[in-house]
């Protein structure tokens, strides 16, 4: 794909070569993301960070990524605080706010809403999640994490064995990740969920039509035994028709250190798009795994900054200028990246 000036709305836009391009640029961003160097390549540029649905990691990491490239961030974090609450259309909002920004990152609770907004925007729009539909930058950072985690074991993405666990029906991160991984070869998917939260059939059919192996299970222990990656998700209670309905599924699949030790291979990597639900009745990923070296959830969040820096650099066509505007930092902070 031609990244320059493009909207990033769906992983369906990407070919395998495009994924490799994003990952190569993300690698180049490492000294800047880890604050060993500073670049001002986007000095004077403005990111409109429009998050009409609750977000911590995605919103802050988009802003952090833009700041680290030298740009400035303007945020809208609540529909009630915007003119949309007064009845303004997406078209009018997009035309106005894109005049104030050089690029926009957007999240909204309705499927297709970000694409609708982008159709009227005068600047590139990056999808930060639209309802239960997609979350392309999350899928990219997840796959980047997978590649980095298994590389030390002498493995690559081709031939990956991955177990996806939990809410596979409403989890947009899972939907985008499936679509991205299917660009690779000979993937073994184990889909572990309750019958009511299974991955939508169109995704299962597409995975199988691409030649991948798909196994369905409702038992955590039997599904995680021979996998390279366990990718857990929380119950997406905000997508359910009622809280009572969501409560029926909370806490059905829980991974802790005892289960991990008994059933998993020694180097199985544990991932989660976060937030993990740490309430006692849920706890899909127990705190007793926090010191497990194969727990990659915080390496995932660090990688989110690298990937989003890469997307900004590609869309705004400054990849070759980042280092020209770079310098060593004049301060020091010890970080454990």
Protein backbone atom coordinates (compact mmCIF):
# COMPACT_ATOMS: atom_id res chain seq x y z
CA UNK A 1 0.00 0.00 0.00
CA UNK A 2 0.99 3.62 -0.36
CA UNK A 3 1.12 4.83 3.24
CA UNK A 4 1.68 8.53 2.50
CA UNK A 5 -1.47 10.50 3.25
CA UNK A 6 -3.55 7.34 3.73
CA UNK A 7 -6.19 6.56 6.32
CA UNK A 8 -5.42 3.48 8.46
CA UNK A 9 -8.88 2.04 9.04
CA UNK A 10 -8.60 -1.75 8.72
CA UNK A 11 -5.97 -4.47 8.65
CA UNK A 12 -7.59 -5.52 5.37
CA UNK A 13 -5.60 -2.67 3.80
CA UNK A 14 -2.33 -4.52 4.48
CA UNK A 15 -0.42 -7.08 2.52
CA UNK A 16 2.37 -9.07 4.13
CA UNK A 17 4.98 -6.71 2.65
CA UNK A 18 3.19 -3.74 4.24
CA UNK A 19 3.39 -5.40 7.66
CA UNK A 20 7.13 -5.89 7.15
CA UNK A 21 7.46 -2.20 6.26
CA UNK A 22 5.68 -1.07 9.44
CA UNK A 23 7.81 -3.41 11.56
CA UNK A 24 11.06 -2.20 9.97
CA UNK A 25 10.14 1.42 10.67
CA UNK A 26 9.10 0.50 14.23
CA UNK A 27 12.58 -0.98 14.76
CA UNK A 28 14.08 2.36 13.70
CA UNK A 29 11.98 4.16 16.30
CA UNK A 30 13.41 2.19 19.22
CA UNK A 31 16.02 4.72 20.48
CA UNK A 32 13.43 7.51 20.35
CA UNK A 33 10.64 5.50 21.98
CA UNK A 34 13.03 4.44 24.73
CA UNK A 35 14.16 8.05 25.21
CA UNK A 36 17.82 7.51 24.43
CA UNK A 37 17.51 10.00 21.57
CA UNK A 38 15.17 12.87 20.70
CA UNK A 39 13.80 13.81 17.30
CA UNK A 40 11.77 16.88 16.33
CA UNK A 41 10.82 15.67 12.85
CA UNK A 42 7.12 16.52 13.38
CA UNK A 43 7.72 19.85 15.09
CA UNK A 44 4.72 22.08 14.40
CA UNK A 45 2.43 19.19 13.45
CA UNK A 46 -0.80 18.60 15.40
CA UNK A 47 -2.48 15.29 16.22
CA UNK A 48 -6.21 15.44 16.88
CA UNK A 49 -6.74 12.64 19.41
CA UNK A 50 -10.49 12.00 19.32
CA UNK A 51 -11.57 9.29 21.74
CA UNK A 52 -15.34 9.07 22.15
CA UNK A 53 -15.08 5.79 24.07
CA UNK A 54 -13.03 5.09 27.23
CA UNK A 55 -9.36 4.40 26.55
CA UNK A 56 -6.09 4.49 28.43
CA UNK A 57 -3.32 2.69 26.54
CA UNK A 58 -4.44 3.46 22.99
CA UNK A 59 -5.20 7.14 23.60
CA UNK A 60 -2.09 7.85 25.64
CA UNK A 61 0.26 5.84 23.41
CA UNK A 62 -0.99 7.59 20.25
CA UNK A 63 -0.32 10.90 21.99
CA UNK A 64 3.03 9.73 23.35
CA UNK A 65 4.10 8.47 19.91
CA UNK A 66 3.29 11.81 18.31
CA UNK A 67 5.04 13.78 21.06
CA UNK A 68 8.15 11.63 20.70
CA UNK A 69 8.29 12.59 17.02
CA UNK A 70 8.15 16.25 18.03
CA UNK A 71 4.47 16.95 17.37
CA UNK A 72 1.72 18.38 19.57
CA UNK A 73 -1.52 16.71 20.67
CA UNK A 74 -5.04 18.08 21.06
CA UNK A 75 -7.56 15.76 22.73
CA UNK A 76 -11.31 15.25 22.74
CA UNK A 77 -12.25 12.48 25.15
CA UNK A 78 -16.02 12.55 25.57
CA UNK A 79 -18.92 12.88 23.16
CA UNK A 80 -20.69 15.01 25.79
CA UNK A 81 -17.83 17.51 25.56
CA UNK A 82 -18.12 17.78 21.76
CA UNK A 83 -20.59 19.35 19.35
CA UNK A 84 -21.72 15.85 18.37
CA UNK A 85 -23.77 15.94 21.59
CA UNK A 86 -25.58 18.96 20.10
CA UNK A 87 -26.51 17.03 16.98
CA UNK A 88 -23.56 17.92 14.75
CA UNK A 89 -22.95 15.32 12.03
CA UNK A 90 -19.76 13.31 11.61
CA UNK A 91 -19.31 15.08 8.28
CA UNK A 92 -19.31 18.55 9.82
CA UNK A 93 -17.17 17.47 12.77
CA UNK A 94 -14.64 15.85 10.45
CA UNK A 95 -14.44 18.86 8.15
CA UNK A 96 -13.89 21.22 11.08
CA UNK A 97 -11.46 19.22 13.22
CA UNK A 98 -9.37 18.07 10.27
CA UNK A 99 -8.79 21.76 9.60
CA UNK A 100 -7.20 22.02 13.04
CA UNK A 101 -5.05 18.89 12.72
CA UNK A 102 -2.45 17.27 10.47
CA UNK A 103 -3.53 13.75 11.38
CA UNK A 104 -6.33 12.33 13.54
CA UNK A 105 -6.54 9.24 15.76
CA UNK A 106 -10.12 8.30 16.55
CA UNK A 107 -12.08 5.79 18.64
CA UNK A 108 -15.86 5.46 18.65
CA UNK A 109 -18.31 2.88 19.96
CA UNK A 110 -20.15 2.34 16.66
CA UNK A 111 -18.88 -0.02 13.97
CA UNK A 112 -17.93 1.84 10.81
CA UNK A 113 -17.96 5.22 12.53
CA UNK A 114 -14.26 5.93 12.03
CA UNK A 115 -14.50 5.14 8.31
CA UNK A 116 -17.50 7.45 8.03
CA UNK A 117 -15.55 10.22 9.76
CA UNK A 118 -12.50 9.60 7.56
CA UNK A 119 -14.57 9.95 4.39
CA UNK A 120 -15.07 13.64 5.22
CA UNK A 121 -11.68 14.35 6.81
CA UNK A 122 -9.12 16.54 5.07
CA UNK A 123 -6.22 14.74 6.79
CA UNK A 124 -5.31 11.07 7.44
CA UNK A 125 -7.37 9.27 10.09
CA UNK A 126 -6.08 6.32 12.13
CA UNK A 127 -8.65 3.94 13.59
CA UNK A 128 -8.20 3.54 17.35
CA UNK A 129 -11.13 1.11 17.57
CA UNK A 130 -14.68 1.24 16.21
CA UNK A 131 -17.10 -0.77 18.31
CA UNK A 132 -16.68 -4.53 18.00
CA UNK A 133 -15.31 -4.13 14.48
CA UNK A 134 -11.55 -3.50 14.26
CA UNK A 135 -8.48 -2.16 16.02
CA UNK A 136 -5.72 -2.16 13.39
CA UNK A 137 -2.88 -0.56 15.35
CA UNK A 138 -3.49 -3.03 18.21
CA UNK A 139 -3.22 -5.93 15.78
CA UNK A 140 0.04 -4.53 14.41
CA UNK A 141 1.57 -4.10 17.86
CA UNK A 142 0.36 -7.57 18.88
CA UNK A 143 1.91 -9.21 15.83
CA UNK A 144 5.10 -7.18 16.30
CA UNK A 145 5.24 -8.45 19.88
CA UNK A 146 4.65 -12.03 18.73
CA UNK A 147 7.47 -11.76 16.20
CA UNK A 148 9.89 -10.36 18.78
CA UNK A 149 8.93 -12.82 21.52
CA UNK A 150 9.30 -16.01 19.46
CA UNK A 151 12.38 -14.88 17.53
CA UNK A 152 14.52 -15.75 20.56
CA UNK A 153 13.22 -19.31 20.31
CA UNK A 154 14.34 -19.59 16.70
CA UNK A 155 10.76 -19.32 15.40
CA UNK A 156 8.94 -16.94 13.10
CA UNK A 157 5.30 -16.15 12.43
CA UNK A 158 4.94 -18.75 9.70
CA UNK A 159 3.94 -21.96 11.48
CA UNK A 160 2.79 -20.10 14.61
CA UNK A 161 0.59 -21.92 17.13
CA UNK A 162 -1.71 -19.45 18.88
CA UNK A 163 -4.56 -19.91 21.36
CA UNK A 164 -7.11 -17.08 21.48
CA UNK A 165 -9.06 -17.20 24.74
CA UNK A 166 -12.19 -15.51 26.07
CA UNK A 167 -14.53 -13.07 24.39
CA UNK A 168 -13.86 -13.76 20.71
CA UNK A 169 -17.25 -12.47 19.58
CA UNK A 170 -16.97 -8.84 20.66
CA UNK A 171 -13.19 -8.49 20.96
CA UNK A 172 -12.12 -6.17 18.15
CA UNK A 173 -8.43 -6.75 18.93
CA UNK A 174 -8.94 -10.46 18.23
CA UNK A 175 -10.81 -9.73 15.00
CA UNK A 176 -8.03 -7.54 13.63
CA UNK A 177 -5.29 -9.88 14.83
CA UNK A 178 -6.89 -12.86 13.06
CA UNK A 179 -7.09 -10.91 9.81
CA UNK A 180 -3.46 -9.82 10.10
CA UNK A 181 -2.00 -13.22 11.02
CA UNK A 182 -3.83 -14.89 8.13
CA UNK A 183 -1.40 -13.10 5.79
CA UNK A 184 1.24 -15.56 6.98
CA UNK A 185 1.51 -19.30 6.36
CA UNK A 186 0.43 -22.46 8.17
CA UNK A 187 -0.94 -20.88 11.34
CA UNK A 188 -2.60 -23.13 13.93
CA UNK A 189 -5.44 -21.33 15.70
CA UNK A 190 -7.04 -22.73 18.86
CA UNK A 191 -10.16 -20.72 19.67
CA UNK A 192 -11.16 -21.17 23.30
CA UNK A 193 -14.45 -19.61 24.33
CA UNK A 194 -17.98 -20.20 25.52
CA UNK A 195 -20.45 -21.09 22.79
CA UNK A 196 -22.04 -17.65 23.06
CA UNK A 197 -18.74 -15.82 22.59
CA UNK A 198 -17.19 -17.74 19.72
CA UNK A 199 -15.30 -16.01 16.96
CA UNK A 200 -17.84 -14.97 14.29
CA UNK A 201 -18.20 -17.65 11.63
CA UNK A 202 -17.07 -15.40 8.79
CA UNK A 203 -13.65 -15.08 10.47
CA UNK A 204 -13.41 -18.86 11.02
CA UNK A 205 -14.32 -19.53 7.39
CA UNK A 206 -11.80 -16.99 6.15
CA UNK A 207 -9.01 -18.48 8.26
CA UNK A 208 -9.74 -21.97 6.95
CA UNK A 209 -10.07 -20.77 3.37
CA UNK A 210 -6.52 -19.37 3.65
CA UNK A 211 -5.25 -22.84 4.57
CA UNK A 212 -4.86 -22.32 8.31
CA UNK A 213 -5.86 -24.87 10.96
CA UNK A 214 -8.70 -23.82 13.26
CA UNK A 215 -9.66 -25.80 16.37
CA UNK A 216 -12.61 -24.83 18.57
CA UNK A 217 -12.73 -25.59 22.29
CA UNK A 218 -14.54 -24.56 25.45
CA UNK A 219 -11.84 -25.99 27.74
CA UNK A 220 -8.86 -23.81 28.65
CA UNK A 221 -6.57 -26.58 29.87
CA UNK A 222 -6.90 -28.80 26.81
CA UNK A 223 -6.44 -25.89 24.43
CA UNK A 224 -3.24 -24.30 25.72
CA UNK A 225 -1.01 -27.34 25.88
CA UNK A 226 0.80 -27.02 22.55
CA UNK A 227 0.93 -23.34 21.72
CA UNK A 228 3.56 -20.68 21.21
CA UNK A 229 1.23 -17.82 22.22
CA UNK A 230 -1.72 -17.63 24.61
CA UNK A 231 -3.70 -14.48 23.87
CA UNK A 232 -6.33 -13.85 26.54
CA UNK A 233 -9.11 -11.30 26.42
CA UNK A 234 -11.52 -9.86 28.95
CA UNK A 235 -15.29 -10.06 28.61
CA UNK A 236 -16.25 -6.96 26.61
CA UNK A 237 -19.14 -6.13 28.92
CA UNK A 238 -19.76 -2.75 27.25
CA UNK A 239 -20.86 -4.60 24.09
CA UNK A 240 -23.48 -6.78 25.77
CA UNK A 241 -27.20 -5.95 25.71
CA UNK A 242 -27.28 -6.03 29.52
CA UNK A 243 -24.94 -6.32 32.47
CA UNK A 244 -26.65 -9.53 33.58
CA UNK A 245 -25.83 -11.10 30.22
CA UNK A 246 -22.18 -10.07 30.54
CA UNK A 247 -21.96 -11.42 34.07
CA UNK A 248 -22.74 -14.93 32.82
CA UNK A 249 -19.39 -15.06 31.01
CA UNK A 250 -17.09 -13.27 33.42
CA UNK A 251 -14.42 -15.45 34.99
CA UNK A 252 -15.07 -18.62 32.94
CA UNK A 253 -11.49 -18.75 31.62
CA UNK A 254 -8.74 -17.94 34.10
CA UNK A 255 -5.02 -18.43 33.65
CA UNK A 256 -2.81 -18.52 36.72
CA UNK A 257 0.70 -19.78 37.43
CA UNK A 258 -0.45 -23.24 38.53
CA UNK A 259 -2.42 -23.85 35.33
CA UNK A 260 0.41 -22.41 33.24
CA UNK A 261 3.01 -24.67 34.88
CA UNK A 262 0.86 -27.79 34.56
CA UNK A 263 -0.42 -27.42 31.01
CA UNK A 264 1.82 -25.05 29.01
CA UNK A 265 5.13 -25.60 27.30
CA UNK A 266 7.97 -23.86 29.21
CA UNK A 267 8.40 -20.97 26.73
CA UNK A 268 4.75 -20.27 25.94
CA UNK A 269 4.27 -16.50 25.70
CA UNK A 270 1.30 -14.92 27.52
CA UNK A 271 -0.36 -11.91 25.89
CA UNK A 272 -3.41 -9.75 26.57
CA UNK A 273 -4.53 -6.53 24.80
CA UNK A 274 -5.41 -5.02 28.20
CA UNK A 275 -7.06 -3.89 30.31
CA UNK A 276 -7.19 -7.19 32.14
CA UNK A 277 -10.11 -7.45 34.50
CA UNK A 278 -8.53 -7.92 37.92
CA UNK A 279 -11.78 -8.04 39.87
CA UNK A 280 -12.14 -11.23 41.85
CA UNK A 281 -15.10 -12.53 39.88
CA UNK A 282 -13.17 -12.14 36.61
CA UNK A 283 -9.37 -12.32 36.91
CA UNK A 284 -8.80 -13.85 33.47
CA UNK A 285 -5.06 -13.29 33.91
CA UNK A 286 -3.99 -13.74 37.51
CA UNK A 287 -1.54 -11.42 39.26
CA UNK A 288 0.54 -14.43 40.31
CA UNK A 289 1.85 -14.45 36.72
CA UNK A 290 3.32 -10.95 37.07
CA UNK A 291 6.86 -12.22 37.61
CA UNK A 292 6.65 -14.91 34.95
CA UNK A 293 9.29 -13.95 32.32
CA UNK A 294 6.97 -15.16 29.56
CA UNK A 295 4.29 -12.64 30.51
CA UNK A 296 4.57 -10.17 27.62
CA UNK A 297 1.66 -7.82 28.36
CA UNK A 298 3.82 -4.86 29.33
CA UNK A 299 6.23 -5.43 26.47
CA UNK A 300 3.09 -5.26 24.31
CA UNK A 301 2.22 -1.83 25.66
CA UNK A 302 5.77 -0.58 25.09
CA UNK A 303 5.58 -1.87 21.51
CA UNK A 304 2.39 0.12 20.99
CA UNK A 305 4.41 3.33 21.04
CA UNK A 306 6.89 1.96 18.47
CA UNK A 307 4.14 0.86 16.10
CA UNK A 308 2.18 4.10 16.36
CA UNK A 309 5.34 6.15 15.83
CA UNK A 310 5.95 4.07 12.72
CA UNK A 311 2.42 4.67 11.41
CA UNK A 312 2.69 8.43 11.93
CA UNK A 313 6.09 8.53 10.22
CA UNK A 314 4.80 6.53 7.25
CA UNK A 315 1.52 8.39 6.82
CA UNK A 316 3.19 11.80 7.14
CA UNK A 317 6.14 10.73 4.96
CA UNK A 318 8.98 11.52 7.37
CA UNK A 319 10.59 8.09 7.76
CA UNK A 320 13.81 9.19 6.04
CA UNK A 321 13.98 12.42 8.05
CA UNK A 322 13.63 11.07 11.59
CA UNK A 323 17.36 10.57 12.19
CA UNK A 324 18.26 13.87 10.48
CA UNK A 325 16.29 15.63 13.20
CA UNK A 326 17.63 13.37 15.95
CA UNK A 327 20.03 14.09 18.79
CA UNK A 328 21.13 12.53 22.05
CA UNK A 329 19.05 13.40 25.09
CA UNK A 330 20.43 15.92 27.54
CA UNK A 331 18.96 14.12 30.54
CA UNK A 332 18.87 10.61 31.86
CA UNK A 333 16.19 8.35 33.24
CA UNK A 334 16.61 4.67 33.93
CA UNK A 335 13.87 2.68 32.25
CA UNK A 336 13.43 -1.06 31.95
CA UNK A 337 12.42 -1.60 28.35
